[in-house]
Each structure stands twice: as structure tokens, then as C-alpha cells.
Amino acid sequence: MKSFRTNSGQELLSILKQIDISVPLRTEGRTTEHCERWSICRFLASFTDSALLSFPLRLIHRDKPDFLLELNERKVGIEITEVVPENDAAIDAYREHKEIDGPFFLKRHLPGDAKLRGADLRREATSDDPGNGWCGDSAEREWTSAMKSFVQQKIAKSQKQDFELFERNWLLMYDNWPLPALDQAVAAKLLFESLAPKEYVPFENIFIECSSQYWVFSHNGYCSRSINDLWASN
């Protein structure tokens, strides 16, 4: 993704709308850059008129962290991650590659599950076993566990010598964890309550893009913000 500079929110939205943020299927050439472009563009479009952004603004695509956002005299490092079970991604790719049509029941995944390989992967990808269902607030608690696990992974990554920290650092997460009928408000509350202040460091803010909104977390509190989908009519 090319770097760009803009002097106003209106100009930023105009630039963003011209960017192709489509993401191919896993078996059709999807790359990390596709996912990063999707996440950063939708994030900027949704927070253009918020107090988080100021102008002139310059966006630079890089590595460790994935983006550098220059806002006036401030520099913000942005690290991006997709929150998806490794096994769920492997199952999807197998079904796409073998052209196996559903519908399928949701597979239950937990952080740290053993990696599916060979016959085990084939069996899970073709199984119509509904498995164990979710009850009570188990979906919300599993979501919390998954999000927290990925936050912790990125905090560990940020502590490595080749990761550059800036004056401010944000973590941008795309929620692709398969769960049924998730109550996002309940899940967000559980996640906020589970994160101690030290678990945000070095990230000042953690943004989670869900189906229709962002959830924004800091050690001071949390809130939601609607997604501005500039590309919906493209």
C-alpha cells in the first residue's frame, strides 16, 4: 500500500474511497497486505472526524509496526492483526480448495488448540457434526478469551528488539472469531474487566473491528463507534 498525505478529513475520505480494499479468498491469493489495507482504510474512514485524528495526516506502510501515522507533530505506530483461529482458517482454505459446499455448523475453537493436519483436517472440514453448543454467556466469554490471547501475543511481539515503538502506539484488531449470536456489548464489558492496566502497555488504545462497529479500549474505559463503510456502494 502506498503512503499518502492529506490536509483534511474530506480529502482523506476522498483518497480512501479510491483505494481497492477487497480481500481475495484464502486460496485465491490473499496476502497479509490485503488484510492490512482493509483494516487501516476502514479504521481511518470510521475515525476521520474523531478526536484521535488530526491534520495534516500522513500514513506510511511499514513493518513492526505495520503502519506509522504522522499527525501534526505526533507519531503513532499501528500494529494490525486478524483474530481468527488457525484451524478455522485452515478448514476454510481446505473447503475452498476442494470446492466443498456447505452449509456447515460452526466449529468451536479455543486459543491454543493443537494444529489440525492431514486426516484430522480433512475430517473436520467435511464433518457435519454440530458438536457442543453454546449456552448462557459462553460465547461472550470465549470471545473475551480469544481477544485477550491475541492482545497478549501482540504485546509480546512489541517487546522484541526489531519492533519500533513510537510516542503513541495503537493495536488494531479484526474480529474473525466464529461464534453464534454474540452479544457484543456483554463481550466488550467482559474484555474490559479482564484487562489490567499493565496489559495495554505499550498500546495506548486497542481497537477491535466487529461486524458493524468498532470497540475501543484503553485502561480508562471502553466505547463503541459505528463503521463508516465508504466502499459499500462501490
C-alpha atoms as a PDB file:
ATOM      1  CA  MET A   1       0.000   0.000   0.000  1.00  0.00           C
ATOM      2  CA  LYS A   2       1.384   3.396  -0.987  1.00  0.00           C
ATOM      3  CA  SER A   3       1.979   6.098   1.574  1.00  0.00           C
ATOM      4  CA  PHE A   4      -0.124   9.247   1.316  1.00  0.00           C
ATOM      5  CA  ARG A   5      -0.536  12.650   2.922  1.00  0.00           C
ATOM      6  CA  THR A   6      -3.710  14.669   3.364  1.00  0.00           C
ATOM      7  CA  ASN A   7      -4.659  18.025   4.881  1.00  0.00           C
ATOM      8  CA  SER A   8      -8.309  17.482   5.825  1.00  0.00           C
ATOM      9  CA  GLY A   9     -10.885  14.906   6.721  1.00  0.00           C
ATOM     10  CA  GLN A  10     -12.797  15.445   3.493  1.00  0.00           C
ATOM     11  CA  GLU A  11      -9.640  14.897   1.463  1.00  0.00           C
ATOM     12  CA  LEU A  12      -8.813  11.787   3.492  1.00  0.00           C
ATOM     13  CA  LEU A  13     -12.218  10.245   2.767  1.00  0.00           C
ATOM     14  CA  SER A  14     -11.814  11.025  -0.931  1.00  0.00           C
ATOM     15  CA  ILE A  15      -8.410   9.284  -1.009  1.00  0.00           C
ATOM     16  CA  LEU A  16      -9.653   6.283   0.920  1.00  0.00           C
ATOM     17  CA  LYS A  17     -12.671   5.743  -1.322  1.00  0.00           C
ATOM     18  CA  GLN A  18     -10.372   5.324  -4.335  1.00  0.00           C
ATOM     19  CA  ILE A  19      -8.405   2.525  -2.664  1.00  0.00           C
ATOM     20  CA  ASP A  20      -9.387  -1.038  -3.503  1.00  0.00           C
ATOM     21  CA  ILE A  21      -9.777  -2.776  -0.138  1.00  0.00           C
ATOM     22  CA  SER A  22     -11.176  -6.062  -1.470  1.00  0.00           C
ATOM     23  CA  VAL A  23      -9.712  -9.204   0.095  1.00  0.00           C
ATOM     24  CA  PRO A  24      -9.461 -12.385  -2.027  1.00  0.00           C
ATOM     25  CA  LEU A  25     -10.327 -15.818  -0.676  1.00  0.00           C
ATOM     26  CA  ARG A  26      -7.549 -17.613   1.190  1.00  0.00           C
ATOM     27  CA  THR A  27      -6.950 -19.911  -1.783  1.00  0.00           C
ATOM     28  CA  GLU A  28      -7.103 -17.115  -4.367  1.00  0.00           C
ATOM     29  CA  GLY A  29      -4.057 -15.085  -3.487  1.00  0.00           C
ATOM     30  CA  ARG A  30      -4.961 -13.428  -0.187  1.00  0.00           C
ATOM     31  CA  THR A  31      -1.920 -11.773   1.367  1.00  0.00           C
ATOM     32  CA  THR A  32      -1.170 -10.017   4.623  1.00  0.00           C
ATOM     33  CA  GLU A  33      -1.123  -6.740   2.696  1.00  0.00           C
ATOM     34  CA  HIS A  34      -4.725  -7.271   1.554  1.00  0.00           C
ATOM     35  CA  CYS A  35      -5.818  -7.668   5.179  1.00  0.00           C
ATOM     36  CA  GLU A  36      -3.760  -4.740   6.442  1.00  0.00           C
ATOM     37  CA  ARG A  37      -5.119  -2.448   3.716  1.00  0.00           C
ATOM     38  CA  TRP A  38      -8.706  -3.460   4.585  1.00  0.00           C
ATOM     39  CA  SER A  39      -8.156  -2.779   8.289  1.00  0.00           C
ATOM     40  CA  ILE A  40      -6.317   0.545   8.093  1.00  0.00           C
ATOM     41  CA  CYS A  41      -8.600   2.072   5.459  1.00  0.00           C
ATOM     42  CA  ARG A  42     -11.820   1.169   7.259  1.00  0.00           C
ATOM     43  CA  PHE A  43     -10.320   2.379  10.519  1.00  0.00           C
ATOM     44  CA  LEU A  44      -9.326   5.778   9.101  1.00  0.00           C
ATOM     45  CA  ALA A  45     -12.694   6.211   7.385  1.00  0.00           C
ATOM     46  CA  SER A  46     -14.525   5.480  10.634  1.00  0.00           C
ATOM     47  CA  PHE A  47     -12.419   7.758  12.855  1.00  0.00           C
ATOM     48  CA  THR A  48     -11.833  10.665  10.441  1.00  0.00           C
ATOM     49  CA  ASP A  49     -13.973  13.077  12.470  1.00  0.00           C
ATOM     50  CA  SER A  50     -12.879  11.792  15.879  1.00  0.00           C
ATOM     51  CA  ALA A  51     -10.500  13.449  18.318  1.00  0.00           C
ATOM     52  CA  LEU A  52      -7.996  10.658  17.642  1.00  0.00           C
ATOM     53  CA  LEU A  53      -7.019  12.043  14.226  1.00  0.00           C
ATOM     54  CA  SER A  54      -5.709  15.472  13.342  1.00  0.00           C
ATOM     55  CA  PHE A  55      -4.392  17.101  10.171  1.00  0.00           C
ATOM     56  CA  PRO A  56      -2.185  17.264   8.250  1.00  0.00           C
ATOM     57  CA  LEU A  57      -2.060  13.469   8.317  1.00  0.00           C
ATOM     58  CA  ARG A  58       0.484  11.150   6.715  1.00  0.00           C
ATOM     59  CA  LEU A  59       0.163   7.364   6.537  1.00  0.00           C
ATOM     60  CA  ILE A  60       3.237   5.196   5.943  1.00  0.00           C
ATOM     61  CA  HIS A  61       3.027   1.439   5.350  1.00  0.00           C
ATOM     62  CA  ARG A  62       5.932  -0.354   7.002  1.00  0.00           C
ATOM     63  CA  ASP A  63       6.657  -3.331   9.249  1.00  0.00           C
ATOM     64  CA  LYS A  64       6.818  -3.850  13.030  1.00  0.00           C
ATOM     65  CA  PRO A  65       4.555  -1.984  13.447  1.00  0.00           C
ATOM     66  CA  ASP A  66       2.522  -2.244  10.255  1.00  0.00           C
ATOM     67  CA  PHE A  67       1.812   1.487   9.857  1.00  0.00           C
ATOM     68  CA  LEU A  68       3.134   4.818  11.018  1.00  0.00           C
ATOM     69  CA  LEU A  69       0.574   7.583  11.325  1.00  0.00           C
ATOM     70  CA  GLU A  70       2.004  11.109  11.469  1.00  0.00           C
ATOM     71  CA  LEU A  71      -0.461  13.592  12.963  1.00  0.00           C
ATOM     72  CA  ASN A  72       0.947  17.118  13.090  1.00  0.00           C
ATOM     73  CA  GLU A  73       3.969  16.640  15.344  1.00  0.00           C
ATOM     74  CA  ARG A  74       2.845  13.302  16.799  1.00  0.00           C
ATOM     75  CA  LYS A  75       3.794   9.837  15.587  1.00  0.00           C
ATOM     76  CA  VAL A  76       1.526   6.864  16.165  1.00  0.00           C
ATOM     77  CA  GLY A  77       2.585   3.292  15.456  1.00  0.00           C
ATOM     78  CA  ILE A  78      -0.273   0.990  14.451  1.00  0.00           C
ATOM     79  CA  GLU A  79       0.010  -2.791  14.642  1.00  0.00           C
ATOM     80  CA  ILE A  80      -2.691  -4.837  12.898  1.00  0.00           C
ATOM     81  CA  THR A  81      -3.872  -8.399  13.428  1.00  0.00           C
ATOM     82  CA  GLU A  82      -6.738 -10.624  12.347  1.00  0.00           C
ATOM     83  CA  VAL A  83      -8.232 -12.541  15.252  1.00  0.00           C
ATOM     84  CA  VAL A  84      -9.013 -15.892  13.657  1.00  0.00           C
ATOM     85  CA  PRO A  85      -8.426 -19.471  14.820  1.00  0.00           C
ATOM     86  CA  GLU A  86      -5.586 -21.009  12.826  1.00  0.00           C
ATOM     87  CA  ASN A  87      -7.617 -24.190  12.426  1.00  0.00           C
ATOM     88  CA  ASP A  88     -10.705 -22.330  11.223  1.00  0.00           C
ATOM     89  CA  ALA A  89      -8.638 -20.585   8.546  1.00  0.00           C
ATOM     90  CA  ALA A  90      -7.161 -23.950   7.512  1.00  0.00           C
ATOM     91  CA  ILE A  91     -10.628 -25.526   7.332  1.00  0.00           C
ATOM     92  CA  ASP A  92     -11.922 -22.635   5.181  1.00  0.00           C
ATOM     93  CA  ALA A  93      -8.938 -22.900   2.849  1.00  0.00           C
ATOM     94  CA  TYR A  94      -9.402 -26.667   2.510  1.00  0.00           C
ATOM     95  CA  ARG A  95     -13.090 -26.266   1.666  1.00  0.00           C
ATOM     96  CA  GLU A  96     -12.341 -23.525  -0.872  1.00  0.00           C
ATOM     97  CA  HIS A  97      -9.584 -25.584  -2.496  1.00  0.00           C
ATOM     98  CA  LYS A  98     -11.707 -28.747  -2.671  1.00  0.00           C
ATOM     99  CA  GLU A  99     -14.882 -26.799  -3.570  1.00  0.00           C
ATOM    100  CA  ILE A 100     -16.792 -28.331  -0.676  1.00  0.00           C
ATOM    101  CA  ASP A 101     -20.136 -26.574  -0.286  1.00  0.00           C
ATOM    102  CA  GLY A 102     -21.975 -26.115   2.995  1.00  0.00           C
ATOM    103  CA  PRO A 103     -23.805 -25.131   4.985  1.00  0.00           C
ATOM    104  CA  PHE A 104     -21.740 -26.285   7.955  1.00  0.00           C
ATOM    105  CA  PHE A 105     -22.216 -25.948  11.682  1.00  0.00           C
ATOM    106  CA  LEU A 106     -19.881 -23.536  13.443  1.00  0.00           C
ATOM    107  CA  LYS A 107     -16.737 -25.221  14.726  1.00  0.00           C
ATOM    108  CA  ARG A 108     -15.797 -24.450  18.286  1.00  0.00           C
ATOM    109  CA  HIS A 109     -12.242 -23.137  18.704  1.00  0.00           C
ATOM    110  CA  LEU A 110     -10.202 -22.037  21.683  1.00  0.00           C
ATOM    111  CA  PRO A 111      -6.867 -20.163  21.802  1.00  0.00           C
ATOM    112  CA  GLY A 112      -4.010 -22.649  21.907  1.00  0.00           C
ATOM    113  CA  ASP A 113      -5.834 -25.502  20.161  1.00  0.00           C
ATOM    114  CA  ALA A 114      -3.497 -28.083  18.617  1.00  0.00           C
ATOM    115  CA  LYS A 115      -2.977 -27.516  14.898  1.00  0.00           C
ATOM    116  CA  LEU A 116      -5.075 -29.727  12.632  1.00  0.00           C
ATOM    117  CA  ARG A 117      -3.104 -31.625  10.000  1.00  0.00           C
ATOM    118  CA  GLY A 118      -3.663 -34.327   7.389  1.00  0.00           C
ATOM    119  CA  ALA A 119      -6.551 -36.675   8.108  1.00  0.00           C
ATOM    120  CA  ASP A 120      -7.674 -34.631  11.130  1.00  0.00           C
ATOM    121  CA  LEU A 121      -8.021 -31.509   8.990  1.00  0.00           C
ATOM    122  CA  ARG A 122      -9.878 -33.390   6.259  1.00  0.00           C
ATOM    123  CA  ARG A 123     -12.263 -34.894   8.795  1.00  0.00           C
ATOM    124  CA  GLU A 124     -13.064 -31.552  10.415  1.00  0.00           C
ATOM    125  CA  ALA A 125     -13.500 -29.821   7.049  1.00  0.00           C
ATOM    126  CA  THR A 126     -16.070 -32.349   5.842  1.00  0.00           C
ATOM    127  CA  SER A 127     -17.859 -33.131   9.098  1.00  0.00           C
ATOM    128  CA  ASP A 128     -21.484 -32.120   9.641  1.00  0.00           C
ATOM    129  CA  ASP A 129     -21.310 -32.885  13.366  1.00  0.00           C
ATOM    130  CA  PRO A 130     -22.875 -29.935  15.264  1.00  0.00           C
ATOM    131  CA  GLY A 131     -20.557 -30.501  18.227  1.00  0.00           C
ATOM    132  CA  ASN A 132     -21.204 -28.986  21.637  1.00  0.00           C
ATOM    133  CA  GLY A 133     -23.420 -25.922  21.597  1.00  0.00           C
ATOM    134  CA  TRP A 134     -23.020 -22.638  23.443  1.00  0.00           C
ATOM    135  CA  CYS A 135     -25.143 -21.780  26.451  1.00  0.00           C
ATOM    136  CA  GLY A 136     -25.501 -18.819  28.772  1.00  0.00           C
ATOM    137  CA  ASP A 137     -22.716 -16.307  28.215  1.00  0.00           C
ATOM    138  CA  SER A 138     -20.210 -18.907  26.985  1.00  0.00           C
ATOM    139  CA  ALA A 139     -19.949 -17.257  23.542  1.00  0.00           C
ATOM    140  CA  GLU A 140     -19.116 -13.902  25.114  1.00  0.00           C
ATOM    141  CA  ARG A 141     -16.559 -15.489  27.440  1.00  0.00           C
ATOM    142  CA  GLU A 142     -14.907 -17.375  24.594  1.00  0.00           C
ATOM    143  CA  TRP A 143     -14.731 -14.135  22.593  1.00  0.00           C
ATOM    144  CA  THR A 144     -13.086 -12.425  25.552  1.00  0.00           C
ATOM    145  CA  SER A 145     -10.552 -15.229  25.880  1.00  0.00           C
ATOM    146  CA  ALA A 146      -9.706 -15.086  22.163  1.00  0.00           C
ATOM    147  CA  MET A 147      -9.333 -11.293  22.051  1.00  0.00           C
ATOM    148  CA  LYS A 148      -7.200 -11.242  25.201  1.00  0.00           C
ATOM    149  CA  SER A 149      -4.967 -14.001  23.838  1.00  0.00           C
ATOM    150  CA  PHE A 150      -4.246 -12.008  20.672  1.00  0.00           C
ATOM    151  CA  VAL A 151      -3.642  -8.817  22.668  1.00  0.00           C
ATOM    152  CA  GLN A 152      -1.076 -10.678  24.746  1.00  0.00           C
ATOM    153  CA  GLN A 153       0.592 -12.066  21.620  1.00  0.00           C
ATOM    154  CA  LYS A 154       0.973  -8.571  20.177  1.00  0.00           C
ATOM    155  CA  ILE A 155       2.293  -7.174  23.445  1.00  0.00           C
ATOM    156  CA  ALA A 156       4.947  -9.916  23.413  1.00  0.00           C
ATOM    157  CA  LYS A 157       5.806  -9.039  19.800  1.00  0.00           C
ATOM    158  CA  SER A 158       6.133  -5.348  20.666  1.00  0.00           C
ATOM    159  CA  GLN A 159       8.802  -6.163  23.256  1.00  0.00           C
ATOM    160  CA  LYS A 160      11.150  -7.671  20.694  1.00  0.00           C
ATOM    161  CA  GLN A 161      14.200  -5.709  19.615  1.00  0.00           C
ATOM    162  CA  ASP A 162      13.124  -5.329  15.979  1.00  0.00           C
ATOM    163  CA  PHE A 163       9.745  -3.782  16.865  1.00  0.00           C
ATOM    164  CA  GLU A 164       9.856   0.037  16.837  1.00  0.00           C
ATOM    165  CA  LEU A 165       7.783   1.873  19.413  1.00  0.00           C
ATOM    166  CA  PHE A 166       6.669   5.459  18.915  1.00  0.00           C
ATOM    167  CA  GLU A 167       5.347   8.267  21.083  1.00  0.00           C
ATOM    168  CA  ARG A 168       1.927   6.597  20.860  1.00  0.00           C
ATOM    169  CA  ASN A 169       1.099   3.033  19.857  1.00  0.00           C
ATOM    170  CA  TRP A 170      -2.256   1.533  18.862  1.00  0.00           C
ATOM    171  CA  LEU A 171      -3.382  -2.037  18.266  1.00  0.00           C
ATOM    172  CA  LEU A 172      -5.985  -2.588  15.537  1.00  0.00           C
ATOM    173  CA  MET A 173      -7.702  -5.995  15.542  1.00  0.00           C
ATOM    174  CA  TYR A 174     -10.132  -7.523  13.053  1.00  0.00           C
ATOM    175  CA  ASP A 175     -12.562  -9.892  14.761  1.00  0.00           C
ATOM    176  CA  ASN A 176     -12.979 -13.043  12.664  1.00  0.00           C
ATOM    177  CA  TRP A 177     -13.537 -15.471  15.541  1.00  0.00           C
ATOM    178  CA  PRO A 178     -16.523 -17.740  14.740  1.00  0.00           C
ATOM    179  CA  LEU A 179     -19.225 -17.539  17.391  1.00  0.00           C
ATOM    180  CA  PRO A 180     -23.043 -17.652  17.328  1.00  0.00           C
ATOM    181  CA  ALA A 181     -25.282 -14.707  18.228  1.00  0.00           C
ATOM    182  CA  LEU A 182     -22.597 -12.800  20.115  1.00  0.00           C
ATOM    183  CA  ASP A 183     -23.835 -10.027  22.389  1.00  0.00           C
ATOM    184  CA  GLN A 184     -21.076  -7.522  21.620  1.00  0.00           C
ATOM    185  CA  ALA A 185     -21.917  -5.190  24.493  1.00  0.00           C
ATOM    186  CA  VAL A 186     -21.670  -8.009  27.041  1.00  0.00           C
ATOM    187  CA  ALA A 187     -18.480  -9.323  25.426  1.00  0.00           C
ATOM    188  CA  ALA A 188     -16.863  -5.877  25.395  1.00  0.00           C
ATOM    189  CA  LYS A 189     -17.652  -5.383  29.079  1.00  0.00           C
ATOM    190  CA  LEU A 190     -16.123  -8.754  29.924  1.00  0.00           C
ATOM    191  CA  LEU A 191     -12.985  -7.969  27.948  1.00  0.00           C
ATOM    192  CA  PHE A 192     -12.525  -4.569  29.578  1.00  0.00           C
ATOM    193  CA  GLU A 193     -12.931  -6.082  33.031  1.00  0.00           C
ATOM    194  CA  SER A 194     -10.410  -8.808  32.211  1.00  0.00           C
ATOM    195  CA  LEU A 195      -7.636  -6.450  31.080  1.00  0.00           C
ATOM    196  CA  ALA A 196      -5.478  -4.969  33.826  1.00  0.00           C
ATOM    197  CA  PRO A 197      -3.889  -1.555  33.061  1.00  0.00           C
ATOM    198  CA  LYS A 198      -0.466  -3.149  32.566  1.00  0.00           C
ATOM    199  CA  GLU A 199      -1.927  -5.410  29.867  1.00  0.00           C
ATOM    200  CA  TYR A 200      -2.370  -2.465  27.496  1.00  0.00           C
ATOM    201  CA  VAL A 201       1.304  -1.480  27.533  1.00  0.00           C
ATOM    202  CA  PRO A 202       2.671  -0.364  25.104  1.00  0.00           C
ATOM    203  CA  PHE A 203      -0.692   0.103  23.359  1.00  0.00           C
ATOM    204  CA  GLU A 204      -2.488   3.254  24.397  1.00  0.00           C
ATOM    205  CA  ASN A 205      -5.637   2.153  22.570  1.00  0.00           C
ATOM    206  CA  ILE A 206      -6.920  -1.210  21.359  1.00  0.00           C
ATOM    207  CA  PHE A 207      -9.463  -1.132  18.527  1.00  0.00           C
ATOM    208  CA  ILE A 208     -11.497  -4.207  17.604  1.00  0.00           C
ATOM    209  CA  GLU A 209     -13.435  -4.150  14.338  1.00  0.00           C
ATOM    210  CA  CYS A 210     -16.531  -6.318  14.684  1.00  0.00           C
ATOM    211  CA  SER A 211     -19.384  -6.869  12.229  1.00  0.00           C
ATOM    212  CA  SER A 212     -20.945  -3.414  12.406  1.00  0.00           C
ATOM    213  CA  GLN A 213     -18.867  -1.351  14.814  1.00  0.00           C
ATOM    214  CA  TYR A 214     -15.545  -0.807  16.496  1.00  0.00           C
ATOM    215  CA  TRP A 215     -14.941  -1.371  20.171  1.00  0.00           C
ATOM    216  CA  VAL A 216     -12.265   0.935  21.559  1.00  0.00           C
ATOM    217  CA  PHE A 217     -10.442   0.010  24.752  1.00  0.00           C
ATOM    218  CA  SER A 218      -7.986   1.880  26.952  1.00  0.00           C
ATOM    219  CA  HIS A 219      -7.157   1.473  30.613  1.00  0.00           C
ATOM    220  CA  ASN A 220      -9.554   4.396  31.275  1.00  0.00           C
ATOM    221  CA  GLY A 221     -12.634   2.808  29.725  1.00  0.00           C
ATOM    222  CA  TYR A 222     -14.191   1.498  26.549  1.00  0.00           C
ATOM    223  CA  CYS A 223     -16.753   2.612  23.974  1.00  0.00           C
ATOM    224  CA  SER A 224     -18.157   1.685  20.564  1.00  0.00           C
ATOM    225  CA  ARG A 225     -18.114   3.530  17.244  1.00  0.00           C
ATOM    226  CA  SER A 226     -20.012   2.799  14.040  1.00  0.00           C
ATOM    227  CA  ILE A 227     -18.102   1.672  10.963  1.00  0.00           C
ATOM    228  CA  ASN A 228     -18.103   4.136   8.080  1.00  0.00           C
ATOM    229  CA  ASP A 229     -18.175   1.800   5.073  1.00  0.00           C
ATOM    230  CA  LEU A 230     -17.220   4.101   2.207  1.00  0.00           C
ATOM    231  CA  TRP A 231     -16.951   1.133  -0.152  1.00  0.00           C
ATOM    232  CA  ALA A 232     -20.436  -0.316   0.390  1.00  0.00           C
ATOM    233  CA  SER A 233     -21.749   1.116  -2.898  1.00  0.00           C
ATOM    234  CA  ASN A 234     -18.563   0.510  -4.931  1.00  0.00           C
END
